[in-house]
Amino acid sequence: MGPRRGDDRSIANSDWHHPQWLAVSILILLMCIADALLTLTLMDDGASELNPVMEQLLEGPGRSFALWKIGLTASGVVVLVLLARLRTLGRIPVGAILYVVLGGYGTLIAYELWLLSQ
């Protein structure tokens, strides 16, 4: 739960993370999958992707897009969980960024569902 010795202060020495980060991480990844599915559905209905990197991936098979999207999101979530106890810019807890990402995905999915209903 903390450094084993007084001189162990690096992030690599923490081997326990609060269970809330597991729940937040799973929710983010589930929302990422939902976002990928909704994006592919919207693209089939004639929508266009605003992210130029993802737009290039969407030109290929949908599997490539989904794997890159989920892989990049999962990598970012793992890094944020590892750093969750630290503070960025001296004040903001890194764990709060996970909640911002979760809220962002919730907003994005709500917007995509609204687009589908139009």
PDB file of N, CA and C in Angstrom:
ATOM      1  N   MET A   1       0.823  -1.207   0.000  1.00  0.00           N
ATOM      2  CA  MET A   1       0.000   0.000   0.000  1.00  0.00           C
ATOM      3  C   MET A   1       0.853   1.251   0.000  1.00  0.00           C
ATOM      4  N   GLY A   2       2.099   1.100   0.255  1.00  0.00           N
ATOM      5  CA  GLY A   2       3.005   2.241   0.255  1.00  0.00           C
ATOM      6  C   GLY A   2       4.427   1.747   0.106  1.00  0.00           C
ATOM      7  N   PRO A   3       5.390   2.665   0.192  1.00  0.00           N
ATOM      8  CA  PRO A   3       6.789   2.254   0.073  1.00  0.00           C
ATOM      9  C   PRO A   3       7.175   1.297   1.189  1.00  0.00           C
ATOM     10  N   ARG A   4       7.945   0.278   0.837  1.00  0.00           N
ATOM     11  CA  ARG A   4       8.376  -0.708   1.834  1.00  0.00           C
ATOM     12  C   ARG A   4       9.531  -0.166   2.677  1.00  0.00           C
ATOM     13  N   ARG A   5      10.333   0.662   2.049  1.00  0.00           N
ATOM     14  CA  ARG A   5      11.467   1.274   2.747  1.00  0.00           C
ATOM     15  C   ARG A   5      11.378   2.789   2.587  1.00  0.00           C
ATOM     16  N   GLY A   6      12.044   3.481   3.422  1.00  0.00           N
ATOM     17  CA  GLY A   6      12.014   4.942   3.385  1.00  0.00           C
ATOM     18  C   GLY A   6      12.520   5.535   2.086  1.00  0.00           C
ATOM     19  N   ASP A   7      13.451   4.853   1.416  1.00  0.00           N
ATOM     20  CA  ASP A   7      14.016   5.407   0.185  1.00  0.00           C
ATOM     21  C   ASP A   7      13.261   4.943  -1.069  1.00  0.00           C
ATOM     22  N   ASP A   8      12.196   4.144  -0.905  1.00  0.00           N
ATOM     23  CA  ASP A   8      11.373   3.704  -2.046  1.00  0.00           C
ATOM     24  C   ASP A   8      10.269   4.732  -2.285  1.00  0.00           C
ATOM     25  N   ARG A   9      10.524   5.681  -3.127  1.00  0.00           N
ATOM     26  CA  ARG A   9       9.530   6.720  -3.400  1.00  0.00           C
ATOM     27  C   ARG A   9       9.071   6.747  -4.857  1.00  0.00           C
ATOM     28  N   SER A  10       9.587   5.865  -5.688  1.00  0.00           N
ATOM     29  CA  SER A  10       9.184   5.895  -7.096  1.00  0.00           C
ATOM     30  C   SER A  10       7.840   5.207  -7.265  1.00  0.00           C
ATOM     31  N   ILE A  11       7.195   5.462  -8.378  1.00  0.00           N
ATOM     32  CA  ILE A  11       5.872   4.876  -8.621  1.00  0.00           C
ATOM     33  C   ILE A  11       5.940   3.374  -8.844  1.00  0.00           C
ATOM     34  N   ALA A  12       7.083   2.864  -9.238  1.00  0.00           N
ATOM     35  CA  ALA A  12       7.215   1.435  -9.514  1.00  0.00           C
ATOM     36  C   ALA A  12       7.185   0.597  -8.243  1.00  0.00           C
ATOM     37  N   ASN A  13       7.318   1.207  -7.082  1.00  0.00           N
ATOM     38  CA  ASN A  13       7.363   0.461  -5.833  1.00  0.00           C
ATOM     39  C   ASN A  13       5.997   0.264  -5.186  1.00  0.00           C
ATOM     40  N   SER A  14       4.958   0.779  -5.784  1.00  0.00           N
ATOM     41  CA  SER A  14       3.618   0.579  -5.253  1.00  0.00           C
ATOM     42  C   SER A  14       2.983  -0.625  -5.949  1.00  0.00           C
ATOM     43  N   ASP A  15       2.573  -1.616  -5.177  1.00  0.00           N
ATOM     44  CA  ASP A  15       1.993  -2.814  -5.781  1.00  0.00           C
ATOM     45  C   ASP A  15       0.533  -3.023  -5.380  1.00  0.00           C
ATOM     46  N   TRP A  16      -0.082  -2.028  -4.768  1.00  0.00           N
ATOM     47  CA  TRP A  16      -1.483  -2.107  -4.378  1.00  0.00           C
ATOM     48  C   TRP A  16      -2.170  -0.836  -4.840  1.00  0.00           C
ATOM     49  N   HIS A  17      -3.311  -1.004  -5.474  1.00  0.00           N
ATOM     50  CA  HIS A  17      -4.085   0.136  -5.946  1.00  0.00           C
ATOM     51  C   HIS A  17      -5.498   0.006  -5.416  1.00  0.00           C
ATOM     52  N   HIS A  18      -6.115   1.115  -5.108  1.00  0.00           N
ATOM     53  CA  HIS A  18      -7.455   1.117  -4.538  1.00  0.00           C
ATOM     54  C   HIS A  18      -8.447   0.437  -5.490  1.00  0.00           C
ATOM     55  N   PRO A  19      -9.375  -0.366  -4.960  1.00  0.00           N
ATOM     56  CA  PRO A  19     -10.332  -1.083  -5.809  1.00  0.00           C
ATOM     57  C   PRO A  19     -11.205  -0.177  -6.674  1.00  0.00           C
ATOM     58  N   GLN A  20     -11.379   1.070  -6.270  1.00  0.00           N
ATOM     59  CA  GLN A  20     -12.201   1.980  -7.079  1.00  0.00           C
ATOM     60  C   GLN A  20     -11.608   2.170  -8.466  1.00  0.00           C
ATOM     61  N   TRP A  21     -10.272   2.077  -8.583  1.00  0.00           N
ATOM     62  CA  TRP A  21      -9.647   2.279  -9.891  1.00  0.00           C
ATOM     63  C   TRP A  21      -9.944   1.103 -10.823  1.00  0.00           C
ATOM     64  N   LEU A  22     -10.129  -0.080 -10.267  1.00  0.00           N
ATOM     65  CA  LEU A  22     -10.532  -1.217 -11.095  1.00  0.00           C
ATOM     66  C   LEU A  22     -11.929  -0.973 -11.670  1.00  0.00           C
ATOM     67  N   ALA A  23     -12.843  -0.519 -10.824  1.00  0.00           N
ATOM     68  CA  ALA A  23     -14.210  -0.257 -11.277  1.00  0.00           C
ATOM     69  C   ALA A  23     -14.231   0.848 -12.335  1.00  0.00           C
ATOM     70  N   VAL A  24     -13.513   1.931 -12.081  1.00  0.00           N
ATOM     71  CA  VAL A  24     -13.472   3.040 -13.041  1.00  0.00           C
ATOM     72  C   VAL A  24     -12.837   2.579 -14.347  1.00  0.00           C
ATOM     73  N   SER A  25     -11.772   1.788 -14.261  1.00  0.00           N
ATOM     74  CA  SER A  25     -11.092   1.301 -15.462  1.00  0.00           C
ATOM     75  C   SER A  25     -11.999   0.415 -16.300  1.00  0.00           C
ATOM     76  N   ILE A  26     -12.717  -0.484 -15.655  1.00  0.00           N
ATOM     77  CA  ILE A  26     -13.630  -1.366 -16.381  1.00  0.00           C
ATOM     78  C   ILE A  26     -14.737  -0.558 -17.045  1.00  0.00           C
ATOM     79  N   LEU A  27     -15.283   0.421 -16.335  1.00  0.00           N
ATOM     80  CA  LEU A  27     -16.328   1.263 -16.919  1.00  0.00           C
ATOM     81  C   LEU A  27     -15.808   2.037 -18.124  1.00  0.00           C
ATOM     82  N   ILE A  28     -14.590   2.572 -18.019  1.00  0.00           N
ATOM     83  CA  ILE A  28     -14.007   3.307 -19.146  1.00  0.00           C
ATOM     84  C   ILE A  28     -13.846   2.381 -20.347  1.00  0.00           C
ATOM     85  N   LEU A  29     -13.336   1.186 -20.121  1.00  0.00           N
ATOM     86  CA  LEU A  29     -13.132   0.261 -21.241  1.00  0.00           C
ATOM     87  C   LEU A  29     -14.450  -0.209 -21.848  1.00  0.00           C
ATOM     88  N   LEU A  30     -15.468  -0.438 -21.026  1.00  0.00           N
ATOM     89  CA  LEU A  30     -16.787  -0.798 -21.560  1.00  0.00           C
ATOM     90  C   LEU A  30     -17.378   0.346 -22.381  1.00  0.00           C
ATOM     91  N   MET A  31     -17.192   1.566 -21.897  1.00  0.00           N
ATOM     92  CA  MET A  31     -17.681   2.720 -22.644  1.00  0.00           C
ATOM     93  C   MET A  31     -16.882   2.925 -23.931  1.00  0.00           C
ATOM     94  N   CYS A  32     -15.612   2.584 -23.912  1.00  0.00           N
ATOM     95  CA  CYS A  32     -14.786   2.663 -25.115  1.00  0.00           C
ATOM     96  C   CYS A  32     -15.307   1.691 -26.175  1.00  0.00           C
ATOM     97  N   ILE A  33     -15.659   0.492 -25.748  1.00  0.00           N
ATOM     98  CA  ILE A  33     -16.212  -0.506 -26.674  1.00  0.00           C
ATOM     99  C   ILE A  33     -17.551  -0.024 -27.222  1.00  0.00           C
ATOM    100  N   ALA A  34     -18.390   0.518 -26.346  1.00  0.00           N
ATOM    101  CA  ALA A  34     -19.685   1.049 -26.794  1.00  0.00           C
ATOM    102  C   ALA A  34     -19.484   2.195 -27.784  1.00  0.00           C
ATOM    103  N   ASP A  35     -18.514   3.053 -27.510  1.00  0.00           N
ATOM    104  CA  ASP A  35     -18.213   4.162 -28.413  1.00  0.00           C
ATOM    105  C   ASP A  35     -17.760   3.646 -29.779  1.00  0.00           C
ATOM    106  N   ALA A  36     -16.911   2.615 -29.791  1.00  0.00           N
ATOM    107  CA  ALA A  36     -16.442   2.054 -31.066  1.00  0.00           C
ATOM    108  C   ALA A  36     -17.612   1.483 -31.857  1.00  0.00           C
ATOM    109  N   LEU A  37     -18.497   0.758 -31.196  1.00  0.00           N
ATOM    110  CA  LEU A  37     -19.658   0.182 -31.878  1.00  0.00           C
ATOM    111  C   LEU A  37     -20.597   1.266 -32.395  1.00  0.00           C
ATOM    112  N   LEU A  38     -20.839   2.280 -31.574  1.00  0.00           N
ATOM    113  CA  LEU A  38     -21.707   3.373 -32.008  1.00  0.00           C
ATOM    114  C   LEU A  38     -21.072   4.165 -33.154  1.00  0.00           C
ATOM    115  N   THR A  39     -19.762   4.345 -33.113  1.00  0.00           N
ATOM    116  CA  THR A  39     -19.070   5.044 -34.203  1.00  0.00           C
ATOM    117  C   THR A  39     -19.216   4.281 -35.506  1.00  0.00           C
ATOM    118  N   LEU A  40     -19.004   2.971 -35.459  1.00  0.00           N
ATOM    119  CA  LEU A  40     -19.150   2.158 -36.671  1.00  0.00           C
ATOM    120  C   LEU A  40     -20.584   2.189 -37.185  1.00  0.00           C
ATOM    121  N   THR A  41     -21.557   2.182 -36.278  1.00  0.00           N
ATOM    122  CA  THR A  41     -22.966   2.260 -36.678  1.00  0.00           C
ATOM    123  C   THR A  41     -23.262   3.608 -37.334  1.00  0.00           C
ATOM    124  N   LEU A  42     -22.762   4.676 -36.722  1.00  0.00           N
ATOM    125  CA  LEU A  42     -22.983   6.010 -37.287  1.00  0.00           C
ATOM    126  C   LEU A  42     -22.301   6.151 -38.643  1.00  0.00           C
ATOM    127  N   MET A  43     -21.120   5.574 -38.783  1.00  0.00           N
ATOM    128  CA  MET A  43     -20.415   5.651 -40.071  1.00  0.00           C
ATOM    129  C   MET A  43     -21.205   4.923 -41.157  1.00  0.00           C
ATOM    130  N   ASP A  44     -21.835   3.810 -40.806  1.00  0.00           N
ATOM    131  CA  ASP A  44     -22.677   3.092 -41.764  1.00  0.00           C
ATOM    132  C   ASP A  44     -23.886   3.923 -42.185  1.00  0.00           C
ATOM    133  N   ASP A  45     -24.330   4.816 -41.284  1.00  0.00           N
ATOM    134  CA  ASP A  45     -25.476   5.681 -41.582  1.00  0.00           C
ATOM    135  C   ASP A  45     -25.073   6.973 -42.290  1.00  0.00           C
ATOM    136  N   GLY A  46     -23.778   7.120 -42.613  1.00  0.00           N
ATOM    137  CA  GLY A  46     -23.338   8.286 -43.375  1.00  0.00           C
ATOM    138  C   GLY A  46     -22.637   9.372 -42.574  1.00  0.00           C
ATOM    139  N   ALA A  47     -22.356   9.148 -41.313  1.00  0.00           N
ATOM    140  CA  ALA A  47     -21.656  10.144 -40.507  1.00  0.00           C
ATOM    141  C   ALA A  47     -20.180  10.180 -40.905  1.00  0.00           C
ATOM    142  N   SER A  48     -19.477  11.209 -40.454  1.00  0.00           N
ATOM    143  CA  SER A  48     -18.039  11.297 -40.715  1.00  0.00           C
ATOM    144  C   SER A  48     -17.292  11.425 -39.397  1.00  0.00           C
ATOM    145  N   GLU A  49     -16.091  10.876 -39.361  1.00  0.00           N
ATOM    146  CA  GLU A  49     -15.247  10.896 -38.164  1.00  0.00           C
ATOM    147  C   GLU A  49     -14.491  12.215 -38.116  1.00  0.00           C
ATOM    148  N   LEU A  50     -14.519  12.880 -36.952  1.00  0.00           N
ATOM    149  CA  LEU A  50     -13.822  14.156 -36.803  1.00  0.00           C
ATOM    150  C   LEU A  50     -12.344  13.993 -36.476  1.00  0.00           C
ATOM    151  N   ASN A  51     -11.977  12.890 -35.842  1.00  0.00           N
ATOM    152  CA  ASN A  51     -10.587  12.633 -35.478  1.00  0.00           C
ATOM    153  C   ASN A  51      -9.852  12.122 -36.726  1.00  0.00           C
ATOM    154  N   PRO A  52      -8.859  12.875 -37.224  1.00  0.00           N
ATOM    155  CA  PRO A  52      -8.195  12.467 -38.467  1.00  0.00           C
ATOM    156  C   PRO A  52      -7.434  11.145 -38.352  1.00  0.00           C
ATOM    157  N   VAL A  53      -6.897  10.822 -37.196  1.00  0.00           N
ATOM    158  CA  VAL A  53      -6.172   9.555 -37.026  1.00  0.00           C
ATOM    159  C   VAL A  53      -7.151   8.394 -37.105  1.00  0.00           C
ATOM    160  N   MET A  54      -8.249   8.498 -36.375  1.00  0.00           N
ATOM    161  CA  MET A  54      -9.246   7.433 -36.402  1.00  0.00           C
ATOM    162  C   MET A  54      -9.933   7.347 -37.758  1.00  0.00           C
ATOM    163  N   GLU A  55     -10.037   8.484 -38.447  1.00  0.00           N
ATOM    164  CA  GLU A  55     -10.642   8.468 -39.785  1.00  0.00           C
ATOM    165  C   GLU A  55      -9.837   7.579 -40.734  1.00  0.00           C
ATOM    166  N   GLN A  56      -8.508   7.652 -40.618  1.00  0.00           N
ATOM    167  CA  GLN A  56      -7.655   6.800 -41.452  1.00  0.00           C
ATOM    168  C   GLN A  56      -7.870   5.325 -41.120  1.00  0.00           C
ATOM    169  N   LEU A  57      -8.029   5.020 -39.853  1.00  0.00           N
ATOM    170  CA  LEU A  57      -8.256   3.626 -39.445  1.00  0.00           C
ATOM    171  C   LEU A  57      -9.631   3.132 -39.872  1.00  0.00           C
ATOM    172  N   LEU A  58     -10.595   4.041 -39.936  1.00  0.00           N
ATOM    173  CA  LEU A  58     -11.946   3.647 -40.340  1.00  0.00           C
ATOM    174  C   LEU A  58     -12.030   3.297 -41.818  1.00  0.00           C
ATOM    175  N   GLU A  59     -11.079   3.762 -42.617  1.00  0.00           N
ATOM    176  CA  GLU A  59     -11.091   3.443 -44.039  1.00  0.00           C
ATOM    177  C   GLU A  59     -10.778   1.967 -44.276  1.00  0.00           C
ATOM    178  N   GLY A  60     -10.073   1.345 -43.357  1.00  0.00           N
ATOM    179  CA  GLY A  60      -9.779  -0.084 -43.447  1.00  0.00           C
ATOM    180  C   GLY A  60     -10.915  -0.878 -42.821  1.00  0.00           C
ATOM    181  N   PRO A  61     -10.619  -2.119 -42.471  1.00  0.00           N
ATOM    182  CA  PRO A  61     -11.659  -2.925 -41.815  1.00  0.00           C
ATOM    183  C   PRO A  61     -11.979  -2.370 -40.423  1.00  0.00           C
ATOM    184  N   GLY A  62     -13.236  -2.542 -39.996  1.00  0.00           N
ATOM    185  CA  GLY A  62     -13.673  -2.041 -38.695  1.00  0.00           C
ATOM    186  C   GLY A  62     -12.907  -2.656 -37.545  1.00  0.00           C
ATOM    187  N   ARG A  63     -12.386  -3.866 -37.735  1.00  0.00           N
ATOM    188  CA  ARG A  63     -11.637  -4.539 -36.682  1.00  0.00           C
ATOM    189  C   ARG A  63     -10.371  -3.759 -36.330  1.00  0.00           C
ATOM    190  N   SER A  64      -9.688  -3.243 -37.338  1.00  0.00           N
ATOM    191  CA  SER A  64      -8.461  -2.467 -37.110  1.00  0.00           C
ATOM    192  C   SER A  64      -8.754  -1.225 -36.278  1.00  0.00           C
ATOM    193  N   PHE A  65      -9.815  -0.523 -36.642  1.00  0.00           N
ATOM    194  CA  PHE A  65     -10.224   0.671 -35.890  1.00  0.00           C
ATOM    195  C   PHE A  65     -10.505   0.325 -34.438  1.00  0.00           C
ATOM    196  N   ALA A  66     -11.296  -0.723 -34.216  1.00  0.00           N
ATOM    197  CA  ALA A  66     -11.686  -1.103 -32.859  1.00  0.00           C
ATOM    198  C   ALA A  66     -10.479  -1.527 -32.027  1.00  0.00           C
ATOM    199  N   LEU A  67      -9.577  -2.317 -32.627  1.00  0.00           N
ATOM    200  CA  LEU A  67      -8.392  -2.770 -31.887  1.00  0.00           C
ATOM    201  C   LEU A  67      -7.498  -1.602 -31.496  1.00  0.00           C
ATOM    202  N   TRP A  68      -7.260  -0.674 -32.413  1.00  0.00           N
ATOM    203  CA  TRP A  68      -6.432   0.490 -32.086  1.00  0.00           C
ATOM    204  C   TRP A  68      -7.102   1.346 -31.018  1.00  0.00           C
ATOM    205  N   LYS A  69      -8.385   1.594 -31.170  1.00  0.00           N
ATOM    206  CA  LYS A  69      -9.109   2.449 -30.215  1.00  0.00           C
ATOM    207  C   LYS A  69      -9.087   1.853 -28.815  1.00  0.00           C
ATOM    208  N   ILE A  70      -9.423   0.578 -28.707  1.00  0.00           N
ATOM    209  CA  ILE A  70      -9.470  -0.066 -27.399  1.00  0.00           C
ATOM    210  C   ILE A  70      -8.060  -0.233 -26.830  1.00  0.00           C
ATOM    211  N   GLY A  71      -7.092  -0.576 -27.686  1.00  0.00           N
ATOM    212  CA  GLY A  71      -5.711  -0.729 -27.225  1.00  0.00           C
ATOM    213  C   GLY A  71      -5.120   0.557 -26.687  1.00  0.00           C
ATOM    214  N   LEU A  72      -5.330   1.655 -27.401  1.00  0.00           N
ATOM    215  CA  LEU A  72      -4.811   2.942 -26.932  1.00  0.00           C
ATOM    216  C   LEU A  72      -5.494   3.388 -25.640  1.00  0.00           C
ATOM    217  N   THR A  73      -6.808   3.183 -25.578  1.00  0.00           N
ATOM    218  CA  THR A  73      -7.529   3.562 -24.361  1.00  0.00           C
ATOM    219  C   THR A  73      -7.078   2.714 -23.176  1.00  0.00           C
ATOM    220  N   ALA A  74      -6.947   1.406 -23.372  1.00  0.00           N
ATOM    221  CA  ALA A  74      -6.511   0.522 -22.288  1.00  0.00           C
ATOM    222  C   ALA A  74      -5.109   0.896 -21.806  1.00  0.00           C
ATOM    223  N   SER A  75      -4.218   1.208 -22.736  1.00  0.00           N
ATOM    224  CA  SER A  75      -2.850   1.609 -22.347  1.00  0.00           C
ATOM    225  C   SER A  75      -2.874   2.876 -21.513  1.00  0.00           C
ATOM    226  N   GLY A  76      -3.656   3.845 -21.941  1.00  0.00           N
ATOM    227  CA  GLY A  76      -3.762   5.090 -21.186  1.00  0.00           C
ATOM    228  C   GLY A  76      -4.353   4.883 -19.804  1.00  0.00           C
ATOM    229  N   VAL A  77      -5.357   4.026 -19.710  1.00  0.00           N
ATOM    230  CA  VAL A  77      -5.992   3.754 -18.414  1.00  0.00           C
ATOM    231  C   VAL A  77      -5.003   3.075 -17.471  1.00  0.00           C
ATOM    232  N   VAL A  78      -4.221   2.127 -17.977  1.00  0.00           N
ATOM    233  CA  VAL A  78      -3.226   1.448 -17.137  1.00  0.00           C
ATOM    234  C   VAL A  78      -2.223   2.461 -16.586  1.00  0.00           C
ATOM    235  N   VAL A  79      -1.737   3.348 -17.424  1.00  0.00           N
ATOM    236  CA  VAL A  79      -0.771   4.364 -16.972  1.00  0.00           C
ATOM    237  C   VAL A  79      -1.406   5.269 -15.928  1.00  0.00           C
ATOM    238  N   LEU A  80      -2.634   5.703 -16.168  1.00  0.00           N
ATOM    239  CA  LEU A  80      -3.290   6.573 -15.192  1.00  0.00           C
ATOM    240  C   LEU A  80      -3.541   5.874 -13.864  1.00  0.00           C
ATOM    241  N   VAL A  81      -3.868   4.591 -13.887  1.00  0.00           N
ATOM    242  CA  VAL A  81      -4.061   3.857 -12.633  1.00  0.00           C
ATOM    243  C   VAL A  81      -2.732   3.737 -11.884  1.00  0.00           C
ATOM    244  N   LEU A  82      -1.661   3.455 -12.617  1.00  0.00           N
ATOM    245  CA  LEU A  82      -0.348   3.364 -11.966  1.00  0.00           C
ATOM    246  C   LEU A  82       0.054   4.680 -11.316  1.00  0.00           C
ATOM    247  N   LEU A  83      -0.379   5.789 -11.905  1.00  0.00           N
ATOM    248  CA  LEU A  83      -0.010   7.114 -11.397  1.00  0.00           C
ATOM    249  C   LEU A  83      -1.105   7.752 -10.545  1.00  0.00           C
ATOM    250  N   ALA A  84      -2.165   7.022 -10.229  1.00  0.00           N
ATOM    251  CA  ALA A  84      -3.347   7.588  -9.580  1.00  0.00           C
ATOM    252  C   ALA A  84      -3.034   8.280  -8.253  1.00  0.00           C
ATOM    253  N   ARG A  85      -2.020   7.865  -7.553  1.00  0.00           N
ATOM    254  CA  ARG A  85      -1.703   8.467  -6.249  1.00  0.00           C
ATOM    255  C   ARG A  85      -0.903   9.756  -6.356  1.00  0.00           C
ATOM    256  N   LEU A  86      -0.386  10.036  -7.532  1.00  0.00           N
ATOM    257  CA  LEU A  86       0.428  11.237  -7.713  1.00  0.00           C
ATOM    258  C   LEU A  86      -0.445  12.437  -8.050  1.00  0.00           C
ATOM    259  N   ARG A  87       0.191  13.602  -8.079  1.00  0.00           N
ATOM    260  CA  ARG A  87      -0.503  14.833  -8.462  1.00  0.00           C
ATOM    261  C   ARG A  87       0.181  15.406  -9.694  1.00  0.00           C
ATOM    262  N   THR A  88      -0.639  15.923 -10.599  1.00  0.00           N
ATOM    263  CA  THR A  88      -0.090  16.563 -11.776  1.00  0.00           C
ATOM    264  C   THR A  88      -0.208  18.077 -11.601  1.00  0.00           C
ATOM    265  N   LEU A  89       0.731  18.796 -12.140  1.00  0.00           N
ATOM    266  CA  LEU A  89       0.794  20.250 -11.992  1.00  0.00           C
ATOM    267  C   LEU A  89       0.826  20.671 -10.522  1.00  0.00           C
ATOM    268  N   GLY A  90       1.277  19.771  -9.655  1.00  0.00           N
ATOM    269  CA  GLY A  90       1.414  20.075  -8.240  1.00  0.00           C
ATOM    270  C   GLY A  90       0.122  20.048  -7.448  1.00  0.00           C
ATOM    271  N   ARG A  91      -1.037  19.968  -8.092  1.00  0.00           N
ATOM    272  CA  ARG A  91      -2.293  20.068  -7.361  1.00  0.00           C
ATOM    273  C   ARG A  91      -3.328  19.007  -7.721  1.00  0.00           C
ATOM    274  N   ILE A  92      -3.480  18.722  -8.999  1.00  0.00           N
ATOM    275  CA  ILE A  92      -4.581  17.872  -9.464  1.00  0.00           C
ATOM    276  C   ILE A  92      -4.203  16.405  -9.305  1.00  0.00           C
ATOM    277  N   PRO A  93      -4.986  15.633  -8.548  1.00  0.00           N
ATOM    278  CA  PRO A  93      -4.694  14.203  -8.433  1.00  0.00           C
ATOM    279  C   PRO A  93      -4.876  13.517  -9.795  1.00  0.00           C
ATOM    280  N   VAL A  94      -3.937  12.671 -10.144  1.00  0.00           N
ATOM    281  CA  VAL A  94      -4.008  11.961 -11.425  1.00  0.00           C
ATOM    282  C   VAL A  94      -5.260  11.085 -11.465  1.00  0.00           C
ATOM    283  N   GLY A  95      -5.672  10.566 -10.317  1.00  0.00           N
ATOM    284  CA  GLY A  95      -6.884   9.763 -10.260  1.00  0.00           C
ATOM    285  C   GLY A  95      -8.110  10.534 -10.723  1.00  0.00           C
ATOM    286  N   ALA A  96      -8.113  11.848 -10.517  1.00  0.00           N
ATOM    287  CA  ALA A  96      -9.252  12.664 -10.962  1.00  0.00           C
ATOM    288  C   ALA A  96      -9.361  12.654 -12.483  1.00  0.00           C
ATOM    289  N   ILE A  97      -8.236  12.492 -13.160  1.00  0.00           N
ATOM    290  CA  ILE A  97      -8.255  12.435 -14.625  1.00  0.00           C
ATOM    291  C   ILE A  97      -9.051  11.220 -15.092  1.00  0.00           C
ATOM    292  N   LEU A  98      -8.955  10.119 -14.356  1.00  0.00           N
ATOM    293  CA  LEU A  98      -9.751   8.933 -14.698  1.00  0.00           C
ATOM    294  C   LEU A  98     -11.246   9.248 -14.644  1.00  0.00           C
ATOM    295  N   TYR A  99     -11.671  10.006 -13.650  1.00  0.00           N
ATOM    296  CA  TYR A  99     -13.076  10.377 -13.553  1.00  0.00           C
ATOM    297  C   TYR A  99     -13.479  11.313 -14.690  1.00  0.00           C
ATOM    298  N   VAL A 100     -12.581  12.198 -15.090  1.00  0.00           N
ATOM    299  CA  VAL A 100     -12.862  13.096 -16.217  1.00  0.00           C
ATOM    300  C   VAL A 100     -13.026  12.282 -17.507  1.00  0.00           C
ATOM    301  N   VAL A 101     -12.144  11.290 -17.709  1.00  0.00           N
ATOM    302  CA  VAL A 101     -12.244  10.429 -18.890  1.00  0.00           C
ATOM    303  C   VAL A 101     -13.562   9.659 -18.866  1.00  0.00           C
ATOM    304  N   LEU A 102     -13.936   9.141 -17.710  1.00  0.00           N
ATOM    305  CA  LEU A 102     -15.198   8.412 -17.575  1.00  0.00           C
ATOM    306  C   LEU A 102     -16.383   9.317 -17.911  1.00  0.00           C
ATOM    307  N   GLY A 103     -16.376  10.517 -17.382  1.00  0.00           N
ATOM    308  CA  GLY A 103     -17.445  11.471 -17.693  1.00  0.00           C
ATOM    309  C   GLY A 103     -17.453  11.861 -19.165  1.00  0.00           C
ATOM    310  N   GLY A 104     -16.265  12.004 -19.743  1.00  0.00           N
ATOM    311  CA  GLY A 104     -16.173  12.330 -21.163  1.00  0.00           C
ATOM    312  C   GLY A 104     -16.764  11.238 -22.035  1.00  0.00           C
ATOM    313  N   TYR A 105     -16.458   9.998 -21.707  1.00  0.00           N
ATOM    314  CA  TYR A 105     -17.036   8.880 -22.464  1.00  0.00           C
ATOM    315  C   TYR A 105     -18.549   8.827 -22.293  1.00  0.00           C
ATOM    316  N   GLY A 106     -19.035   9.089 -21.080  1.00  0.00           N
ATOM    317  CA  GLY A 106     -20.484   9.109 -20.862  1.00  0.00           C
ATOM    318  C   GLY A 106     -21.161  10.173 -21.708  1.00  0.00           C
ATOM    319  N   THR A 107     -20.559  11.345 -21.768  1.00  0.00           N
ATOM    320  CA  THR A 107     -21.095  12.432 -22.583  1.00  0.00           C
ATOM    321  C   THR A 107     -21.050  12.073 -24.059  1.00  0.00           C
ATOM    322  N   LEU A 108     -19.936  11.490 -24.501  1.00  0.00           N
ATOM    323  CA  LEU A 108     -19.787  11.106 -25.906  1.00  0.00           C
ATOM    324  C   LEU A 108     -20.820  10.060 -26.317  1.00  0.00           C
ATOM    325  N   ILE A 109     -21.029   9.069 -25.469  1.00  0.00           N
ATOM    326  CA  ILE A 109     -22.010   8.030 -25.783  1.00  0.00           C
ATOM    327  C   ILE A 109     -23.418   8.611 -25.821  1.00  0.00           C
ATOM    328  N   ALA A 110     -23.732   9.510 -24.894  1.00  0.00           N
ATOM    329  CA  ALA A 110     -25.049  10.158 -24.916  1.00  0.00           C
ATOM    330  C   ALA A 110     -25.229  10.938 -26.220  1.00  0.00           C
ATOM    331  N   TYR A 111     -24.189  11.633 -26.663  1.00  0.00           N
ATOM    332  CA  TYR A 111     -24.256  12.384 -27.912  1.00  0.00           C
ATOM    333  C   TYR A 111     -24.439  11.453 -29.108  1.00  0.00           C
ATOM    334  N   GLU A 112     -23.703  10.337 -29.121  1.00  0.00           N
ATOM    335  CA  GLU A 112     -23.830   9.376 -30.226  1.00  0.00           C
ATOM    336  C   GLU A 112     -25.227   8.754 -30.257  1.00  0.00           C
ATOM    337  N   LEU A 113     -25.777   8.456 -29.095  1.00  0.00           N
ATOM    338  CA  LEU A 113     -27.144   7.927 -29.047  1.00  0.00           C
ATOM    339  C   LEU A 113     -28.146   8.968 -29.543  1.00  0.00           C
ATOM    340  N   TRP A 114     -27.919  10.220 -29.215  1.00  0.00           N
ATOM    341  CA  TRP A 114     -28.772  11.296 -29.723  1.00  0.00           C
ATOM    342  C   TRP A 114     -28.667  11.381 -31.243  1.00  0.00           C
ATOM    343  N   LEU A 115     -27.434  11.269 -31.773  1.00  0.00           N
ATOM    344  CA  LEU A 115     -27.265  11.295 -33.223  1.00  0.00           C
ATOM    345  C   LEU A 115     -28.001  10.140 -33.897  1.00  0.00           C
ATOM    346  N   LEU A 116     -27.954   8.975 -33.290  1.00  0.00           N
ATOM    347  CA  LEU A 116     -28.659   7.832 -33.863  1.00  0.00           C
ATOM    348  C   LEU A 116     -30.173   8.029 -33.877  1.00  0.00           C
ATOM    349  N   SER A 117     -30.687   8.755 -32.900  1.00  0.00           N
ATOM    350  CA  SER A 117     -32.130   8.974 -32.835  1.00  0.00           C
ATOM    351  C   SER A 117     -32.606  10.029 -33.830  1.00  0.00           C
ATOM    352  N   GLN A 118     -31.679  10.802 -34.372  1.00  0.00           N
ATOM    353  CA  GLN A 118     -32.059  11.868 -35.321  1.00  0.00           C
ATOM    354  C   GLN A 118     -32.262  11.342 -36.713  1.00  0.00           C
TER     355      GLN A 118
END
